Amino acid sequence: MFYSVLPFKGTPQWDYVSKHGMFIFDVIHHYHSVKPRIVFETPEFSYQERLEAINLAKKAGYYSDSNDRSPLFDLGRDTAKRIQNTLPPFISNKIYLLLKNFYRRYLKR
């Protein structure tokens, strides 16, 4: 299985897309509601080409854009969205990443 790249602020992927490409969604919490999960394009790999690649991978059985989530995940996600909509982005994105890492490390099944 493979998934689409999700560039996060402060990573080399984010810097590359910022300099050479175009974000379709640049608010991190929107990444998880986009299907298929294409959040940027670059001159080397357009949105349409990414979509075609995902469709080919789906047909071959190697891609899924579904998330097997728990009610706890949904509660955390909704809380993170409220935080991001309330606080300044530089604070809310850090809190979001902390909550996400906590969930993945300690709560994910």
PDB file of N, CA and C in Angstrom:
ATOM      1  N   MET A   1       0.833  -1.190   0.000  1.00  0.00           N
ATOM      2  CA  MET A   1       0.000   0.000   0.000  1.00  0.00           C
ATOM      3  C   MET A   1       0.878   1.254   0.000  1.00  0.00           C
ATOM      4  N   PHE A   2       0.370   2.304  -0.597  1.00  0.00           N
ATOM      5  CA  PHE A   2       1.035   3.590  -0.499  1.00  0.00           C
ATOM      6  C   PHE A   2      -0.019   4.681  -0.432  1.00  0.00           C
ATOM      7  N   TYR A   3       0.409   5.823  -0.031  1.00  0.00           N
ATOM      8  CA  TYR A   3      -0.490   6.952   0.158  1.00  0.00           C
ATOM      9  C   TYR A   3       0.113   8.179  -0.505  1.00  0.00           C
ATOM     10  N   SER A   4      -0.682   9.212  -0.627  1.00  0.00           N
ATOM     11  CA  SER A   4      -0.203  10.472  -1.184  1.00  0.00           C
ATOM     12  C   SER A   4       0.666  11.194  -0.165  1.00  0.00           C
ATOM     13  N   VAL A   5       1.647  11.919  -0.666  1.00  0.00           N
ATOM     14  CA  VAL A   5       2.506  12.713   0.206  1.00  0.00           C
ATOM     15  C   VAL A   5       1.692  13.863   0.776  1.00  0.00           C
ATOM     16  N   LEU A   6       1.823  14.074   2.083  1.00  0.00           N
ATOM     17  CA  LEU A   6       1.171  15.194   2.749  1.00  0.00           C
ATOM     18  C   LEU A   6       2.260  16.079   3.340  1.00  0.00           C
ATOM     19  N   PRO A   7       2.545  17.210   2.690  1.00  0.00           N
ATOM     20  CA  PRO A   7       3.602  18.080   3.203  1.00  0.00           C
ATOM     21  C   PRO A   7       3.120  18.883   4.413  1.00  0.00           C
ATOM     22  N   PHE A   8       3.915  18.863   5.469  1.00  0.00           N
ATOM     23  CA  PHE A   8       3.602  19.630   6.668  1.00  0.00           C
ATOM     24  C   PHE A   8       4.606  20.764   6.810  1.00  0.00           C
ATOM     25  N   LYS A   9       4.140  21.870   7.370  1.00  0.00           N
ATOM     26  CA  LYS A   9       5.008  23.035   7.546  1.00  0.00           C
ATOM     27  C   LYS A   9       6.264  22.640   8.289  1.00  0.00           C
ATOM     28  N   GLY A  10       7.395  23.181   7.829  1.00  0.00           N
ATOM     29  CA  GLY A  10       8.676  22.892   8.456  1.00  0.00           C
ATOM     30  C   GLY A  10       9.376  21.667   7.890  1.00  0.00           C
ATOM     31  N   THR A  11       8.782  21.016   6.876  1.00  0.00           N
ATOM     32  CA  THR A  11       9.411  19.842   6.260  1.00  0.00           C
ATOM     33  C   THR A  11       9.968  20.213   4.894  1.00  0.00           C
ATOM     34  N   PRO A  12      10.914  19.421   4.387  1.00  0.00           N
ATOM     35  CA  PRO A  12      11.438  19.681   3.042  1.00  0.00           C
ATOM     36  C   PRO A  12      10.340  19.635   1.972  1.00  0.00           C
ATOM     37  N   GLN A  13       9.330  18.756   2.136  1.00  0.00           N
ATOM     38  CA  GLN A  13       8.248  18.689   1.161  1.00  0.00           C
ATOM     39  C   GLN A  13       7.482  20.015   1.113  1.00  0.00           C
ATOM     40  N   TRP A  14       7.185  20.573   2.286  1.00  0.00           N
ATOM     41  CA  TRP A  14       6.452  21.850   2.340  1.00  0.00           C
ATOM     42  C   TRP A  14       7.260  22.945   1.648  1.00  0.00           C
ATOM     43  N   ASP A  15       8.554  22.986   1.957  1.00  0.00           N
ATOM     44  CA  ASP A  15       9.414  24.006   1.360  1.00  0.00           C
ATOM     45  C   ASP A  15       9.470  23.867  -0.155  1.00  0.00           C
ATOM     46  N   TYR A  16       9.560  22.626  -0.653  1.00  0.00           N
ATOM     47  CA  TYR A  16       9.634  22.403  -2.093  1.00  0.00           C
ATOM     48  C   TYR A  16       8.342  22.858  -2.780  1.00  0.00           C
ATOM     49  N   VAL A  17       7.207  22.454  -2.225  1.00  0.00           N
ATOM     50  CA  VAL A  17       5.932  22.841  -2.833  1.00  0.00           C
ATOM     51  C   VAL A  17       5.753  24.354  -2.764  1.00  0.00           C
ATOM     52  N   SER A  18       6.146  24.956  -1.661  1.00  0.00           N
ATOM     53  CA  SER A  18       6.032  26.417  -1.524  1.00  0.00           C
ATOM     54  C   SER A  18       6.841  27.139  -2.598  1.00  0.00           C
ATOM     55  N   LYS A  19       8.011  26.598  -2.922  1.00  0.00           N
ATOM     56  CA  LYS A  19       8.903  27.255  -3.877  1.00  0.00           C
ATOM     57  C   LYS A  19       8.576  26.902  -5.331  1.00  0.00           C
ATOM     58  N   HIS A  20       8.239  25.626  -5.597  1.00  0.00           N
ATOM     59  CA  HIS A  20       8.120  25.166  -6.980  1.00  0.00           C
ATOM     60  C   HIS A  20       6.712  24.778  -7.424  1.00  0.00           C
ATOM     61  N   GLY A  21       5.837  24.552  -6.481  1.00  0.00           N
ATOM     62  CA  GLY A  21       4.520  24.032  -6.836  1.00  0.00           C
ATOM     63  C   GLY A  21       3.393  24.935  -6.404  1.00  0.00           C
ATOM     64  N   MET A  22       2.232  24.287  -6.172  1.00  0.00           N
ATOM     65  CA  MET A  22       1.048  25.017  -5.756  1.00  0.00           C
ATOM     66  C   MET A  22       0.257  24.155  -4.787  1.00  0.00           C
ATOM     67  N   PHE A  23      -0.102  24.740  -3.641  1.00  0.00           N
ATOM     68  CA  PHE A  23      -0.958  24.045  -2.693  1.00  0.00           C
ATOM     69  C   PHE A  23      -2.406  24.166  -3.132  1.00  0.00           C
ATOM     70  N   ILE A  24      -3.121  23.072  -3.065  1.00  0.00           N
ATOM     71  CA  ILE A  24      -4.555  23.088  -3.297  1.00  0.00           C
ATOM     72  C   ILE A  24      -5.243  23.335  -1.954  1.00  0.00           C
ATOM     73  N   PHE A  25      -4.698  22.732  -0.909  1.00  0.00           N
ATOM     74  CA  PHE A  25      -5.132  22.942   0.473  1.00  0.00           C
ATOM     75  C   PHE A  25      -3.882  23.190   1.285  1.00  0.00           C
ATOM     76  N   ASP A  26      -3.808  24.299   2.006  1.00  0.00           N
ATOM     77  CA  ASP A  26      -2.628  24.554   2.812  1.00  0.00           C
ATOM     78  C   ASP A  26      -2.932  24.597   4.307  1.00  0.00           C
ATOM     79  N   VAL A  27      -4.173  24.291   4.677  1.00  0.00           N
ATOM     80  CA  VAL A  27      -4.528  24.182   6.087  1.00  0.00           C
ATOM     81  C   VAL A  27      -4.442  22.697   6.448  1.00  0.00           C
ATOM     82  N   ILE A  28      -3.569  22.373   7.375  1.00  0.00           N
ATOM     83  CA  ILE A  28      -3.256  20.976   7.653  1.00  0.00           C
ATOM     84  C   ILE A  28      -4.491  20.148   7.973  1.00  0.00           C
ATOM     85  N   HIS A  29      -5.416  20.658   8.770  1.00  0.00           N
ATOM     86  CA  HIS A  29      -6.555  19.805   9.137  1.00  0.00           C
ATOM     87  C   HIS A  29      -7.495  19.532   7.969  1.00  0.00           C
ATOM     88  N   HIS A  30      -7.358  20.223   6.856  1.00  0.00           N
ATOM     89  CA  HIS A  30      -8.150  19.897   5.675  1.00  0.00           C
ATOM     90  C   HIS A  30      -7.613  18.663   4.960  1.00  0.00           C
ATOM     91  N   TYR A  31      -6.362  18.328   5.180  1.00  0.00           N
ATOM     92  CA  TYR A  31      -5.747  17.190   4.494  1.00  0.00           C
ATOM     93  C   TYR A  31      -6.551  15.911   4.679  1.00  0.00           C
ATOM     94  N   HIS A  32      -7.105  15.725   5.864  1.00  0.00           N
ATOM     95  CA  HIS A  32      -7.714  14.450   6.188  1.00  0.00           C
ATOM     96  C   HIS A  32      -9.146  14.311   5.691  1.00  0.00           C
ATOM     97  N   SER A  33      -9.703  15.371   5.162  1.00  0.00           N
ATOM     98  CA  SER A  33     -11.060  15.289   4.632  1.00  0.00           C
ATOM     99  C   SER A  33     -11.084  15.316   3.108  1.00  0.00           C
ATOM    100  N   VAL A  34      -9.942  15.479   2.468  1.00  0.00           N
ATOM    101  CA  VAL A  34      -9.857  15.541   1.011  1.00  0.00           C
ATOM    102  C   VAL A  34      -9.773  14.120   0.456  1.00  0.00           C
ATOM    103  N   LYS A  35     -10.628  13.825  -0.529  1.00  0.00           N
ATOM    104  CA  LYS A  35     -10.560  12.518  -1.181  1.00  0.00           C
ATOM    105  C   LYS A  35     -10.707  12.731  -2.674  1.00  0.00           C
ATOM    106  N   PRO A  36      -9.792  12.235  -3.482  1.00  0.00           N
ATOM    107  CA  PRO A  36      -8.553  11.596  -3.058  1.00  0.00           C
ATOM    108  C   PRO A  36      -7.620  12.624  -2.417  1.00  0.00           C
ATOM    109  N   ARG A  37      -6.706  12.152  -1.633  1.00  0.00           N
ATOM    110  CA  ARG A  37      -5.854  13.007  -0.814  1.00  0.00           C
ATOM    111  C   ARG A  37      -4.728  13.627  -1.641  1.00  0.00           C
ATOM    112  N   ILE A  38      -5.106  14.557  -2.487  1.00  0.00           N
ATOM    113  CA  ILE A  38      -4.149  15.323  -3.289  1.00  0.00           C
ATOM    114  C   ILE A  38      -4.242  16.756  -2.792  1.00  0.00           C
ATOM    115  N   VAL A  39      -3.189  17.235  -2.162  1.00  0.00           N
ATOM    116  CA  VAL A  39      -3.250  18.562  -1.554  1.00  0.00           C
ATOM    117  C   VAL A  39      -2.309  19.561  -2.226  1.00  0.00           C
ATOM    118  N   PHE A  40      -1.548  19.102  -3.213  1.00  0.00           N
ATOM    119  CA  PHE A  40      -0.668  20.013  -3.942  1.00  0.00           C
ATOM    120  C   PHE A  40      -0.344  19.425  -5.295  1.00  0.00           C
ATOM    121  N   GLU A  41       0.221  20.262  -6.141  1.00  0.00           N
ATOM    122  CA  GLU A  41       0.756  19.791  -7.413  1.00  0.00           C
ATOM    123  C   GLU A  41       2.076  20.500  -7.674  1.00  0.00           C
ATOM    124  N   THR A  42       2.883  19.907  -8.520  1.00  0.00           N
ATOM    125  CA  THR A  42       4.168  20.489  -8.900  1.00  0.00           C
ATOM    126  C   THR A  42       4.277  20.445 -10.422  1.00  0.00           C
ATOM    127  N   PRO A  43       5.217  21.190 -10.985  1.00  0.00           N
ATOM    128  CA  PRO A  43       5.382  21.130 -12.443  1.00  0.00           C
ATOM    129  C   PRO A  43       5.708  19.704 -12.925  1.00  0.00           C
ATOM    130  N   GLU A  44       6.387  18.933 -12.076  1.00  0.00           N
ATOM    131  CA  GLU A  44       6.780  17.573 -12.470  1.00  0.00           C
ATOM    132  C   GLU A  44       5.625  16.579 -12.382  1.00  0.00           C
ATOM    133  N   PHE A  45       4.607  16.889 -11.558  1.00  0.00           N
ATOM    134  CA  PHE A  45       3.533  15.930 -11.305  1.00  0.00           C
ATOM    135  C   PHE A  45       2.261  16.727 -11.003  1.00  0.00           C
ATOM    136  N   SER A  46       1.458  16.963 -12.043  1.00  0.00           N
ATOM    137  CA  SER A  46       0.270  17.812 -11.914  1.00  0.00           C
ATOM    138  C   SER A  46      -0.822  17.118 -11.102  1.00  0.00           C
ATOM    139  N   TYR A  47      -1.834  17.878 -10.744  1.00  0.00           N
ATOM    140  CA  TYR A  47      -2.987  17.315 -10.034  1.00  0.00           C
ATOM    141  C   TYR A  47      -3.590  16.176 -10.850  1.00  0.00           C
ATOM    142  N   GLN A  48      -3.807  16.408 -12.134  1.00  0.00           N
ATOM    143  CA  GLN A  48      -4.422  15.391 -12.992  1.00  0.00           C
ATOM    144  C   GLN A  48      -3.576  14.120 -13.061  1.00  0.00           C
ATOM    145  N   GLU A  49      -2.262  14.275 -13.159  1.00  0.00           N
ATOM    146  CA  GLU A  49      -1.376  13.102 -13.195  1.00  0.00           C
ATOM    147  C   GLU A  49      -1.408  12.354 -11.862  1.00  0.00           C
ATOM    148  N   ARG A  50      -1.471  13.080 -10.760  1.00  0.00           N
ATOM    149  CA  ARG A  50      -1.576  12.435  -9.441  1.00  0.00           C
ATOM    150  C   ARG A  50      -2.888  11.657  -9.340  1.00  0.00           C
ATOM    151  N   LEU A  51      -3.961  12.265  -9.830  1.00  0.00           N
ATOM    152  CA  LEU A  51      -5.264  11.602  -9.810  1.00  0.00           C
ATOM    153  C   LEU A  51      -5.242  10.322 -10.643  1.00  0.00           C
ATOM    154  N   GLU A  52      -4.636  10.384 -11.811  1.00  0.00           N
ATOM    155  CA  GLU A  52      -4.523   9.192 -12.670  1.00  0.00           C
ATOM    156  C   GLU A  52      -3.699   8.106 -11.978  1.00  0.00           C
ATOM    157  N   ALA A  53      -2.608   8.482 -11.323  1.00  0.00           N
ATOM    158  CA  ALA A  53      -1.770   7.511 -10.610  1.00  0.00           C
ATOM    159  C   ALA A  53      -2.550   6.851  -9.476  1.00  0.00           C
ATOM    160  N   ILE A  54      -3.315   7.639  -8.738  1.00  0.00           N
ATOM    161  CA  ILE A  54      -4.125   7.081  -7.652  1.00  0.00           C
ATOM    162  C   ILE A  54      -5.168   6.118  -8.205  1.00  0.00           C
ATOM    163  N   ASN A  55      -5.819   6.492  -9.287  1.00  0.00           N
ATOM    164  CA  ASN A  55      -6.828   5.607  -9.876  1.00  0.00           C
ATOM    165  C   ASN A  55      -6.219   4.299 -10.365  1.00  0.00           C
ATOM    166  N   LEU A  56      -5.035   4.353 -10.955  1.00  0.00           N
ATOM    167  CA  LEU A  56      -4.351   3.124 -11.375  1.00  0.00           C
ATOM    168  C   LEU A  56      -3.995   2.256 -10.166  1.00  0.00           C
ATOM    169  N   ALA A  57      -3.499   2.888  -9.108  1.00  0.00           N
ATOM    170  CA  ALA A  57      -3.142   2.143  -7.901  1.00  0.00           C
ATOM    171  C   ALA A  57      -4.376   1.525  -7.249  1.00  0.00           C
ATOM    172  N   LYS A  58      -5.494   2.251  -7.249  1.00  0.00           N
ATOM    173  CA  LYS A  58      -6.738   1.710  -6.697  1.00  0.00           C
ATOM    174  C   LYS A  58      -7.185   0.476  -7.476  1.00  0.00           C
ATOM    175  N   LYS A  59      -7.141   0.577  -8.811  1.00  0.00           N
ATOM    176  CA  LYS A  59      -7.546  -0.558  -9.649  1.00  0.00           C
ATOM    177  C   LYS A  59      -6.697  -1.782  -9.373  1.00  0.00           C
ATOM    178  N   ALA A  60      -5.411  -1.556  -9.082  1.00  0.00           N
ATOM    179  CA  ALA A  60      -4.500  -2.667  -8.811  1.00  0.00           C
ATOM    180  C   ALA A  60      -4.577  -3.127  -7.352  1.00  0.00           C
ATOM    181  N   GLY A  61      -5.343  -2.414  -6.541  1.00  0.00           N
ATOM    182  CA  GLY A  61      -5.520  -2.817  -5.148  1.00  0.00           C
ATOM    183  C   GLY A  61      -4.442  -2.325  -4.195  1.00  0.00           C
ATOM    184  N   TYR A  62      -3.699  -1.286  -4.592  1.00  0.00           N
ATOM    185  CA  TYR A  62      -2.582  -0.809  -3.769  1.00  0.00           C
ATOM    186  C   TYR A  62      -2.796   0.566  -3.153  1.00  0.00           C
ATOM    187  N   TYR A  63      -4.002   1.097  -3.225  1.00  0.00           N
ATOM    188  CA  TYR A  63      -4.231   2.423  -2.664  1.00  0.00           C
ATOM    189  C   TYR A  63      -5.599   2.461  -2.017  1.00  0.00           C
ATOM    190  N   SER A  64      -5.655   3.084  -0.865  1.00  0.00           N
ATOM    191  CA  SER A  64      -6.926   3.301  -0.200  1.00  0.00           C
ATOM    192  C   SER A  64      -6.914   4.695   0.411  1.00  0.00           C
ATOM    193  N   ASP A  65      -7.982   5.444   0.214  1.00  0.00           N
ATOM    194  CA  ASP A  65      -8.052   6.754   0.843  1.00  0.00           C
ATOM    195  C   ASP A  65      -9.026   6.739   2.020  1.00  0.00           C
ATOM    196  N   SER A  66      -9.372   5.537   2.469  1.00  0.00           N
ATOM    197  CA  SER A  66     -10.244   5.462   3.636  1.00  0.00           C
ATOM    198  C   SER A  66      -9.392   5.433   4.901  1.00  0.00           C
ATOM    199  N   ASN A  67      -9.962   5.906   5.965  1.00  0.00           N
ATOM    200  CA  ASN A  67      -9.301   5.871   7.274  1.00  0.00           C
ATOM    201  C   ASN A  67     -10.146   5.014   8.200  1.00  0.00           C
ATOM    202  N   ASP A  68      -9.543   3.977   8.729  1.00  0.00           N
ATOM    203  CA  ASP A  68     -10.228   3.202   9.746  1.00  0.00           C
ATOM    204  C   ASP A  68     -10.021   3.948  11.049  1.00  0.00           C
ATOM    205  N   ARG A  69     -11.067   4.658  11.476  1.00  0.00           N
ATOM    206  CA  ARG A  69     -10.920   5.515  12.635  1.00  0.00           C
ATOM    207  C   ARG A  69     -11.815   5.027  13.755  1.00  0.00           C
ATOM    208  N   SER A  70     -11.492   5.472  14.919  1.00  0.00           N
ATOM    209  CA  SER A  70     -12.285   5.171  16.094  1.00  0.00           C
ATOM    210  C   SER A  70     -13.010   6.433  16.531  1.00  0.00           C
ATOM    211  N   PRO A  71     -14.016   6.308  17.393  1.00  0.00           N
ATOM    212  CA  PRO A  71     -14.670   7.505  17.929  1.00  0.00           C
ATOM    213  C   PRO A  71     -13.680   8.426  18.646  1.00  0.00           C
ATOM    214  N   LEU A  72     -12.657   7.843  19.258  1.00  0.00           N
ATOM    215  CA  LEU A  72     -11.636   8.638  19.931  1.00  0.00           C
ATOM    216  C   LEU A  72     -10.866   9.481  18.919  1.00  0.00           C
ATOM    217  N   PHE A  73     -10.557   8.895  17.769  1.00  0.00           N
ATOM    218  CA  PHE A  73      -9.876   9.634  16.705  1.00  0.00           C
ATOM    219  C   PHE A  73     -10.749  10.804  16.249  1.00  0.00           C
ATOM    220  N   ASP A  74     -12.038  10.515  16.026  1.00  0.00           N
ATOM    221  CA  ASP A  74     -12.950  11.566  15.569  1.00  0.00           C
ATOM    222  C   ASP A  74     -13.052  12.695  16.585  1.00  0.00           C
ATOM    223  N   LEU A  75     -13.114  12.359  17.870  1.00  0.00           N
ATOM    224  CA  LEU A  75     -13.155  13.376  18.909  1.00  0.00           C
ATOM    225  C   LEU A  75     -11.887  14.227  18.881  1.00  0.00           C
ATOM    226  N   GLY A  76     -10.741  13.574  18.759  1.00  0.00           N
ATOM    227  CA  GLY A  76      -9.465  14.300  18.685  1.00  0.00           C
ATOM    228  C   GLY A  76      -9.384  15.189  17.467  1.00  0.00           C
ATOM    229  N   ARG A  77      -9.836  14.674  16.329  1.00  0.00           N
ATOM    230  CA  ARG A  77      -9.814  15.453  15.096  1.00  0.00           C
ATOM    231  C   ARG A  77     -10.715  16.679  15.215  1.00  0.00           C
ATOM    232  N   ASP A  78     -11.921  16.467  15.741  1.00  0.00           N
ATOM    233  CA  ASP A  78     -12.849  17.591  15.885  1.00  0.00           C
ATOM    234  C   ASP A  78     -12.323  18.632  16.867  1.00  0.00           C
ATOM    235  N   THR A  79     -11.708  18.166  17.953  1.00  0.00           N
ATOM    236  CA  THR A  79     -11.114  19.090  18.924  1.00  0.00           C
ATOM    237  C   THR A  79      -9.983  19.877  18.272  1.00  0.00           C
ATOM    238  N   ALA A  80      -9.152  19.195  17.504  1.00  0.00           N
ATOM    239  CA  ALA A  80      -8.034  19.862  16.824  1.00  0.00           C
ATOM    240  C   ALA A  80      -8.551  20.920  15.848  1.00  0.00           C
ATOM    241  N   LYS A  81      -9.632  20.618  15.135  1.00  0.00           N
ATOM    242  CA  LYS A  81     -10.204  21.598  14.198  1.00  0.00           C
ATOM    243  C   LYS A  81     -10.682  22.844  14.942  1.00  0.00           C
ATOM    244  N   ARG A  82     -11.345  22.626  16.093  1.00  0.00           N
ATOM    245  CA  ARG A  82     -11.818  23.773  16.871  1.00  0.00           C
ATOM    246  C   ARG A  82     -10.648  24.620  17.357  1.00  0.00           C
ATOM    247  N   ILE A  83      -9.591  23.941  17.806  1.00  0.00           N
ATOM    248  CA  ILE A  83      -8.399  24.668  18.267  1.00  0.00           C
ATOM    249  C   ILE A  83      -7.808  25.470  17.114  1.00  0.00           C
ATOM    250  N   GLN A  84      -7.680  24.840  15.937  1.00  0.00           N
ATOM    251  CA  GLN A  84      -7.077  25.524  14.787  1.00  0.00           C
ATOM    252  C   GLN A  84      -7.915  26.706  14.327  1.00  0.00           C
ATOM    253  N   ASN A  85      -9.216  26.619  14.478  1.00  0.00           N
ATOM    254  CA  ASN A  85     -10.075  27.727  14.058  1.00  0.00           C
ATOM    255  C   ASN A  85     -10.108  28.858  15.078  1.00  0.00           C
ATOM    256  N   THR A  86      -9.639  28.609  16.293  1.00  0.00           N
ATOM    257  CA  THR A  86      -9.696  29.592  17.366  1.00  0.00           C
ATOM    258  C   THR A  86      -8.368  30.311  17.579  1.00  0.00           C
ATOM    259  N   LEU A  87      -7.277  29.552  17.573  1.00  0.00           N
ATOM    260  CA  LEU A  87      -5.964  30.106  17.886  1.00  0.00           C
ATOM    261  C   LEU A  87      -5.222  30.537  16.623  1.00  0.00           C
ATOM    262  N   PRO A  88      -4.193  31.356  16.775  1.00  0.00           N
ATOM    263  CA  PRO A  88      -3.362  31.712  15.616  1.00  0.00           C
ATOM    264  C   PRO A  88      -2.717  30.456  15.010  1.00  0.00           C
ATOM    265  N   PRO A  89      -2.519  30.434  13.704  1.00  0.00           N
ATOM    266  CA  PRO A  89      -1.996  29.241  13.024  1.00  0.00           C
ATOM    267  C   PRO A  89      -0.688  28.697  13.603  1.00  0.00           C
ATOM    268  N   PHE A  90       0.247  29.555  13.974  1.00  0.00           N
ATOM    269  CA  PHE A  90       1.532  29.038  14.457  1.00  0.00           C
ATOM    270  C   PHE A  90       1.377  28.273  15.759  1.00  0.00           C
ATOM    271  N   ILE A  91       0.382  28.594  16.553  1.00  0.00           N
ATOM    272  CA  ILE A  91       0.129  27.853  17.803  1.00  0.00           C
ATOM    273  C   ILE A  91      -0.758  26.642  17.520  1.00  0.00           C
ATOM    274  N   SER A  92      -1.833  26.853  16.763  1.00  0.00           N
ATOM    275  CA  SER A  92      -2.792  25.772  16.544  1.00  0.00           C
ATOM    276  C   SER A  92      -2.187  24.604  15.778  1.00  0.00           C
ATOM    277  N   ASN A  93      -1.306  24.865  14.812  1.00  0.00           N
ATOM    278  CA  ASN A  93      -0.678  23.762  14.077  1.00  0.00           C
ATOM    279  C   ASN A  93       0.230  22.947  14.979  1.00  0.00           C
ATOM    280  N   LYS A  94       0.935  23.589  15.909  1.00  0.00           N
ATOM    281  CA  LYS A  94       1.778  22.845  16.856  1.00  0.00           C
ATOM    282  C   LYS A  94       0.929  21.974  17.768  1.00  0.00           C
ATOM    283  N   ILE A  95      -0.190  22.523  18.257  1.00  0.00           N
ATOM    284  CA  ILE A  95      -1.077  21.743  19.120  1.00  0.00           C
ATOM    285  C   ILE A  95      -1.656  20.568  18.340  1.00  0.00           C
ATOM    286  N   TYR A  96      -2.065  20.822  17.101  1.00  0.00           N
ATOM    287  CA  TYR A  96      -2.601  19.755  16.257  1.00  0.00           C
ATOM    288  C   TYR A  96      -1.583  18.621  16.094  1.00  0.00           C
ATOM    289  N   LEU A  97      -0.352  18.960  15.789  1.00  0.00           N
ATOM    290  CA  LEU A  97       0.669  17.935  15.596  1.00  0.00           C
ATOM    291  C   LEU A  97       0.956  17.175  16.892  1.00  0.00           C
ATOM    292  N   LEU A  98       0.941  17.856  18.020  1.00  0.00           N
ATOM    293  CA  LEU A  98       1.119  17.178  19.307  1.00  0.00           C
ATOM    294  C   LEU A  98      -0.012  16.185  19.569  1.00  0.00           C
ATOM    295  N   LEU A  99      -1.253  16.610  19.346  1.00  0.00           N
ATOM    296  CA  LEU A  99      -2.391  15.706  19.543  1.00  0.00           C
ATOM    297  C   LEU A  99      -2.327  14.519  18.585  1.00  0.00           C
ATOM    298  N   LYS A 100      -1.956  14.788  17.354  1.00  0.00           N
ATOM    299  CA  LYS A 100      -1.858  13.716  16.359  1.00  0.00           C
ATOM    300  C   LYS A 100      -0.788  12.707  16.751  1.00  0.00           C
ATOM    301  N   ASN A 101       0.370  13.188  17.172  1.00  0.00           N
ATOM    302  CA  ASN A 101       1.448  12.291  17.580  1.00  0.00           C
ATOM    303  C   ASN A 101       1.067  11.501  18.826  1.00  0.00           C
ATOM    304  N   PHE A 102       0.385  12.135  19.770  1.00  0.00           N
ATOM    305  CA  PHE A 102      -0.071  11.435  20.970  1.00  0.00           C
ATOM    306  C   PHE A 102      -1.032  10.311  20.591  1.00  0.00           C
ATOM    307  N   TYR A 103      -1.983  10.623  19.720  1.00  0.00           N
ATOM    308  CA  TYR A 103      -2.934   9.604  19.272  1.00  0.00           C
ATOM    309  C   TYR A 103      -2.208   8.428  18.615  1.00  0.00           C
ATOM    310  N   ARG A 104      -1.334   8.736  17.677  1.00  0.00           N
ATOM    311  CA  ARG A 104      -0.633   7.669  16.953  1.00  0.00           C
ATOM    312  C   ARG A 104       0.252   6.826  17.876  1.00  0.00           C
ATOM    313  N   ARG A 105       0.890   7.472  18.839  1.00  0.00           N
ATOM    314  CA  ARG A 105       1.805   6.752  19.711  1.00  0.00           C
ATOM    315  C   ARG A 105       1.101   5.942  20.790  1.00  0.00           C
ATOM    316  N   TYR A 106       0.042   6.501  21.379  1.00  0.00           N
ATOM    317  CA  TYR A 106      -0.536   5.879  22.574  1.00  0.00           C
ATOM    318  C   TYR A 106      -1.945   5.335  22.415  1.00  0.00           C
ATOM    319  N   LEU A 107      -2.691   5.793  21.443  1.00  0.00           N
ATOM    320  CA  LEU A 107      -4.095   5.420  21.390  1.00  0.00           C
ATOM    321  C   LEU A 107      -4.498   4.607  20.177  1.00  0.00           C
ATOM    322  N   LYS A 108      -3.728   4.673  19.113  1.00  0.00           N
ATOM    323  CA  LYS A 108      -4.096   3.967  17.881  1.00  0.00           C
ATOM    324  C   LYS A 108      -4.045   2.467  18.119  1.00  0.00           C
ATOM    325  N   ARG A 109      -5.031   1.805  17.600  1.00  0.00           N
ATOM    326  CA  ARG A 109      -5.120   0.341  17.793  1.00  0.00           C
ATOM    327  C   ARG A 109      -4.084  -0.410  17.022  1.00  0.00           C
TER     328      ARG A 109
END
